[in-house]
């Protein structure tokens, strides 16, 4: 059951080419649950939108054909000047509008589908999601105040993504999104919601998955985020390296960048 606290605004971005897929069903379920709780929901179904995944000069109208494309500089200049292509501008408006962003996707080759990566690449432009004119990354960030949830379907069994599993912990696999996208831009990432063994989900199990997802949606604005360390919290040196001895004994790998939970 979704949260019944003060109404919020949620953007759901989903990425699956089959409208009858588990991903699509879960995205629709999330929208229904959140709206039933009184929240306002917008959706971006990337395949239905025929979203263009590749960044190119067409994203920044007005560039002369003789100019060498500098994606970072040109995206920042277009962002500040308000001359991004209309599809990018529309998605940025949704992100600005949202109090929370949910990315709903299947894990393909240990990452997001290309169309979702393209949404990230094109929407999170310089001077919108990061840059000298916005707050510093890994701290308050340009998109601070928003919550973020990854809702992912995984074909493999859960044990394969454990600490000794062949694929490594799911938190490590999703670190580029949780830390490198959400936390970098200031959003507060929650623990991911994952459905393992998702290749064939029987109706009885799907009912249990919907129920579990509903519980997570109910905590979208009350659940404690992953406590990633801040660059301004005194844990890192000027080279962005974690200071010696900051982490609890026995901590290693990417978990070094997560503060101990109470």
Protein backbone atom coordinates (compact mmCIF):
# COMPACT_ATOMS: atom_id res chain seq x y z
CA UNK A 1 0.00 0.00 0.00
CA UNK A 2 1.47 3.34 -1.02
CA UNK A 3 2.23 6.13 1.44
CA UNK A 4 -0.78 8.17 2.56
CA UNK A 5 1.28 11.16 3.79
CA UNK A 6 1.16 14.59 2.14
CA UNK A 7 0.76 14.20 -1.65
CA UNK A 8 3.99 14.20 -3.63
CA UNK A 9 4.98 14.22 -7.31
CA UNK A 10 6.61 11.12 -8.80
CA UNK A 11 8.17 10.50 -12.20
CA UNK A 12 8.31 6.87 -13.37
CA UNK A 13 10.70 6.19 -16.25
CA UNK A 14 10.26 2.71 -17.70
CA UNK A 15 12.26 0.90 -20.35
CA UNK A 16 11.04 -2.31 -21.99
CA UNK A 17 10.10 -2.89 -25.65
CA UNK A 18 7.19 -5.21 -24.78
CA UNK A 19 4.11 -3.47 -23.31
CA UNK A 20 2.97 -6.80 -21.80
CA UNK A 21 6.30 -7.35 -20.01
CA UNK A 22 6.88 -7.70 -16.28
CA UNK A 23 8.62 -4.31 -16.37
CA UNK A 24 5.58 -2.64 -17.92
CA UNK A 25 3.23 -4.38 -15.49
CA UNK A 26 5.26 -3.21 -12.50
CA UNK A 27 5.46 0.35 -13.83
CA UNK A 28 1.69 0.41 -14.26
CA UNK A 29 1.22 -1.08 -10.79
CA UNK A 30 3.48 1.59 -9.27
CA UNK A 31 1.52 4.37 -10.97
CA UNK A 32 -1.81 2.96 -9.73
CA UNK A 33 -0.55 2.49 -6.15
CA UNK A 34 0.91 5.97 -5.93
CA UNK A 35 -2.14 7.66 -7.45
CA UNK A 36 -4.42 5.69 -5.12
CA UNK A 37 -2.43 7.14 -2.22
CA UNK A 38 -3.12 10.65 -3.50
CA UNK A 39 0.20 11.33 -5.20
CA UNK A 40 0.59 12.90 -8.64
CA UNK A 41 2.39 10.67 -11.15
CA UNK A 42 3.93 11.29 -14.55
CA UNK A 43 5.41 8.55 -16.69
CA UNK A 44 8.00 8.30 -19.43
CA UNK A 45 7.64 4.99 -21.28
CA UNK A 46 10.79 5.30 -23.37
CA UNK A 47 10.01 2.66 -25.99
CA UNK A 48 6.46 3.94 -26.47
CA UNK A 49 7.93 7.44 -26.85
CA UNK A 50 10.45 6.20 -29.44
CA UNK A 51 13.09 7.95 -27.36
CA UNK A 52 16.28 8.79 -29.25
CA UNK A 53 19.11 7.23 -27.27
CA UNK A 54 22.18 8.74 -28.93
CA UNK A 55 23.62 12.15 -28.05
CA UNK A 56 24.46 14.21 -31.15
CA UNK A 57 24.54 17.80 -32.42
CA UNK A 58 20.77 17.77 -33.00
CA UNK A 59 20.36 17.86 -29.21
CA UNK A 60 21.76 21.41 -29.20
CA UNK A 61 20.01 23.37 -32.00
CA UNK A 62 21.87 26.37 -33.36
CA UNK A 63 25.35 24.88 -33.53
CA UNK A 64 27.10 25.78 -36.75
CA UNK A 65 27.94 22.82 -39.02
CA UNK A 66 31.59 23.83 -39.04
CA UNK A 67 31.92 23.53 -35.27
CA UNK A 68 33.52 20.52 -33.62
CA UNK A 69 30.96 19.09 -31.21
CA UNK A 70 32.02 19.38 -27.56
CA UNK A 71 29.26 17.46 -25.78
CA UNK A 72 30.03 18.72 -22.28
CA UNK A 73 30.45 22.40 -23.18
CA UNK A 74 27.74 22.49 -25.82
CA UNK A 75 25.18 20.73 -23.64
CA UNK A 76 25.91 23.17 -20.82
CA UNK A 77 25.63 26.21 -23.06
CA UNK A 78 22.37 24.93 -24.58
CA UNK A 79 20.98 24.19 -21.12
CA UNK A 80 21.74 27.69 -19.85
CA UNK A 81 20.44 29.31 -23.03
CA UNK A 82 17.22 27.27 -23.08
CA UNK A 83 17.89 25.82 -26.53
CA UNK A 84 18.01 22.09 -25.90
CA UNK A 85 15.97 19.92 -28.26
CA UNK A 86 12.31 19.81 -27.19
CA UNK A 87 12.34 16.15 -26.12
CA UNK A 88 15.24 16.75 -23.72
CA UNK A 89 13.68 19.95 -22.35
CA UNK A 90 10.40 18.12 -21.70
CA UNK A 91 12.11 15.35 -19.73
CA UNK A 92 14.18 17.83 -17.73
CA UNK A 93 10.96 19.62 -16.82
CA UNK A 94 9.57 16.32 -15.50
CA UNK A 95 12.67 15.75 -13.37
CA UNK A 96 12.47 19.31 -11.98
CA UNK A 97 8.78 18.78 -11.23
CA UNK A 98 9.29 15.48 -9.41
CA UNK A 99 9.80 14.92 -5.70
CA UNK A 100 10.92 11.37 -6.54
CA UNK A 101 12.16 9.54 -9.63
CA UNK A 102 11.67 5.80 -10.18
CA UNK A 103 13.64 4.02 -12.89
CA UNK A 104 11.84 0.78 -13.86
CA UNK A 105 13.90 -1.53 -16.07
CA UNK A 106 15.18 -5.04 -16.74
CA UNK A 107 18.85 -5.68 -16.08
CA UNK A 108 20.51 -6.36 -19.43
CA UNK A 109 24.19 -7.23 -19.43
CA UNK A 110 24.56 -5.96 -15.86
CA UNK A 111 23.24 -2.52 -16.74
CA UNK A 112 20.19 -0.66 -18.00
CA UNK A 113 18.77 -1.07 -21.52
CA UNK A 114 20.49 1.20 -24.04
CA UNK A 115 17.39 3.37 -24.41
CA UNK A 116 17.43 4.17 -20.68
CA UNK A 117 21.16 4.88 -20.75
CA UNK A 118 20.39 7.24 -23.60
CA UNK A 119 17.72 8.96 -21.51
CA UNK A 120 20.29 9.48 -18.77
CA UNK A 121 22.97 10.67 -21.21
CA UNK A 122 20.71 13.18 -22.93
CA UNK A 123 18.57 14.45 -20.02
CA UNK A 124 21.22 14.86 -17.30
CA UNK A 125 23.08 17.57 -19.15
CA UNK A 126 25.94 19.73 -17.95
CA UNK A 127 24.54 22.77 -16.10
CA UNK A 128 21.32 20.86 -15.39
CA UNK A 129 22.49 17.88 -13.34
CA UNK A 130 26.03 19.05 -12.63
CA UNK A 131 28.40 21.88 -13.47
CA UNK A 132 30.03 25.01 -12.12
CA UNK A 133 26.77 26.95 -11.87
CA UNK A 134 25.07 24.28 -9.71
CA UNK A 135 25.99 22.90 -6.25
CA UNK A 136 28.94 20.48 -6.05
CA UNK A 137 28.47 16.75 -6.75
CA UNK A 138 28.39 13.98 -4.13
CA UNK A 139 26.97 16.52 -1.68
CA UNK A 140 23.87 18.69 -1.89
CA UNK A 141 23.95 18.48 -5.69
CA UNK A 142 21.89 20.10 -8.42
CA UNK A 143 18.88 17.81 -7.91
CA UNK A 144 18.91 17.76 -4.12
CA UNK A 145 15.60 17.24 -2.35
CA UNK A 146 14.48 14.43 -4.65
CA UNK A 147 14.31 10.76 -3.79
CA UNK A 148 15.30 8.06 -6.25
CA UNK A 149 14.41 4.37 -6.55
CA UNK A 150 15.72 1.72 -8.92
CA UNK A 151 13.11 -0.96 -9.60
CA UNK A 152 14.87 -3.70 -11.52
CA UNK A 153 13.94 -7.15 -12.81
CA UNK A 154 16.85 -9.60 -12.87
CA UNK A 155 16.87 -12.92 -14.69
CA UNK A 156 19.39 -14.57 -12.37
CA UNK A 157 18.71 -15.98 -8.93
CA UNK A 158 19.31 -13.79 -5.89
CA UNK A 159 22.19 -15.92 -4.60
CA UNK A 160 24.22 -15.09 -7.72
CA UNK A 161 24.21 -11.44 -6.62
CA UNK A 162 25.26 -12.09 -3.02
CA UNK A 163 28.59 -11.25 -1.38
CA UNK A 164 30.09 -14.52 -2.65
CA UNK A 165 27.87 -14.82 -5.70
CA UNK A 166 29.39 -15.07 -9.15
CA UNK A 167 28.03 -11.65 -10.20
CA UNK A 168 28.96 -9.81 -7.01
CA UNK A 169 26.60 -7.91 -4.70
CA UNK A 170 23.71 -6.19 -6.45
CA UNK A 171 24.68 -2.96 -4.67
CA UNK A 172 28.04 -3.05 -6.46
CA UNK A 173 26.51 -3.78 -9.87
CA UNK A 174 24.09 -0.86 -9.46
CA UNK A 175 26.68 1.48 -7.93
CA UNK A 176 27.11 3.53 -11.15
CA UNK A 177 23.40 4.41 -10.98
CA UNK A 178 22.96 4.69 -7.23
CA UNK A 179 26.14 6.63 -6.56
CA UNK A 180 27.33 7.88 -9.95
CA UNK A 181 23.95 9.17 -11.15
CA UNK A 182 21.65 9.72 -8.18
CA UNK A 183 24.06 10.67 -5.41
CA UNK A 184 26.36 12.58 -7.78
CA UNK A 185 23.45 14.87 -8.67
CA UNK A 186 22.24 15.21 -5.07
CA UNK A 187 19.26 12.87 -5.14
CA UNK A 188 18.70 10.54 -2.19
CA UNK A 189 18.85 6.93 -3.47
CA UNK A 190 16.85 4.26 -1.67
CA UNK A 191 17.80 0.61 -1.55
CA UNK A 192 16.82 -0.88 -4.93
CA UNK A 193 13.70 -2.96 -5.35
CA UNK A 194 14.74 -6.10 -7.22
CA UNK A 195 12.76 -9.01 -8.64
CA UNK A 196 15.10 -11.97 -9.18
CA UNK A 197 14.38 -14.99 -11.35
CA UNK A 198 12.20 -12.76 -13.49
CA UNK A 199 12.29 -14.72 -16.76
CA UNK A 200 9.09 -16.59 -15.91
CA UNK A 201 6.98 -15.24 -13.03
CA UNK A 202 3.81 -17.21 -12.32
CA UNK A 203 0.61 -15.36 -11.39
CA UNK A 204 0.82 -16.39 -7.72
CA UNK A 205 4.36 -15.09 -7.42
CA UNK A 206 3.46 -11.93 -9.33
CA UNK A 207 0.83 -11.18 -6.71
CA UNK A 208 3.50 -11.46 -4.01
CA UNK A 209 5.84 -9.23 -6.04
CA UNK A 210 3.13 -6.58 -6.40
CA UNK A 211 2.51 -6.68 -2.67
CA UNK A 212 6.22 -6.33 -1.88
CA UNK A 213 6.57 -3.48 -4.38
CA UNK A 214 3.57 -1.75 -2.82
CA UNK A 215 5.28 -1.84 0.57
CA UNK A 216 8.40 -0.22 -0.88
CA UNK A 217 6.33 2.44 -2.62
CA UNK A 218 4.65 3.12 0.69
CA UNK A 219 8.04 4.08 2.11
CA UNK A 220 9.17 6.17 -0.85
CA UNK A 221 9.26 9.33 1.26
CA UNK A 222 9.87 7.82 4.71
CA UNK A 223 12.47 5.11 4.14
CA UNK A 224 16.04 6.02 5.07
CA UNK A 225 18.19 6.52 1.95
CA UNK A 226 21.49 4.73 1.36
CA UNK A 227 23.90 6.78 3.54
CA UNK A 228 26.56 7.55 0.96
CA UNK A 229 29.41 9.71 2.21
CA UNK A 230 29.47 13.37 1.22
CA UNK A 231 32.47 15.13 -0.24
CA UNK A 232 31.84 17.93 2.25
CA UNK A 233 31.58 15.63 5.26
CA UNK A 234 35.29 15.43 6.03
CA UNK A 235 35.73 11.84 4.84
CA UNK A 236 37.76 12.59 1.68
CA UNK A 237 40.98 14.41 0.88
CA UNK A 238 41.39 17.02 -1.88
CA UNK A 239 42.02 14.23 -4.38
CA UNK A 240 38.58 12.72 -3.59
CA UNK A 241 40.20 9.73 -1.89
CA UNK A 242 38.70 8.37 1.32
CA UNK A 243 40.87 9.27 4.29
CA UNK A 244 42.61 6.35 6.02
CA UNK A 245 40.77 4.80 8.94
CA UNK A 246 37.40 6.44 8.25
CA UNK A 247 35.73 3.14 7.44
CA UNK A 248 34.88 0.44 9.99
CA UNK A 249 37.34 -2.46 10.20
CA UNK A 250 36.76 -5.09 7.54
CA UNK A 251 35.00 -2.76 5.08
CA UNK A 252 36.23 -2.95 1.50
CA UNK A 253 35.27 -2.29 -2.09
CA UNK A 254 32.49 0.12 -2.94
CA UNK A 255 31.02 -0.19 0.55
CA UNK A 256 33.84 2.09 1.70
CA UNK A 257 31.74 4.97 0.40
CA UNK A 258 28.69 4.13 2.51
CA UNK A 259 28.53 5.38 6.09
CA UNK A 260 27.80 2.71 8.69
CA UNK A 261 24.09 2.41 9.33
CA UNK A 262 22.88 2.87 12.93
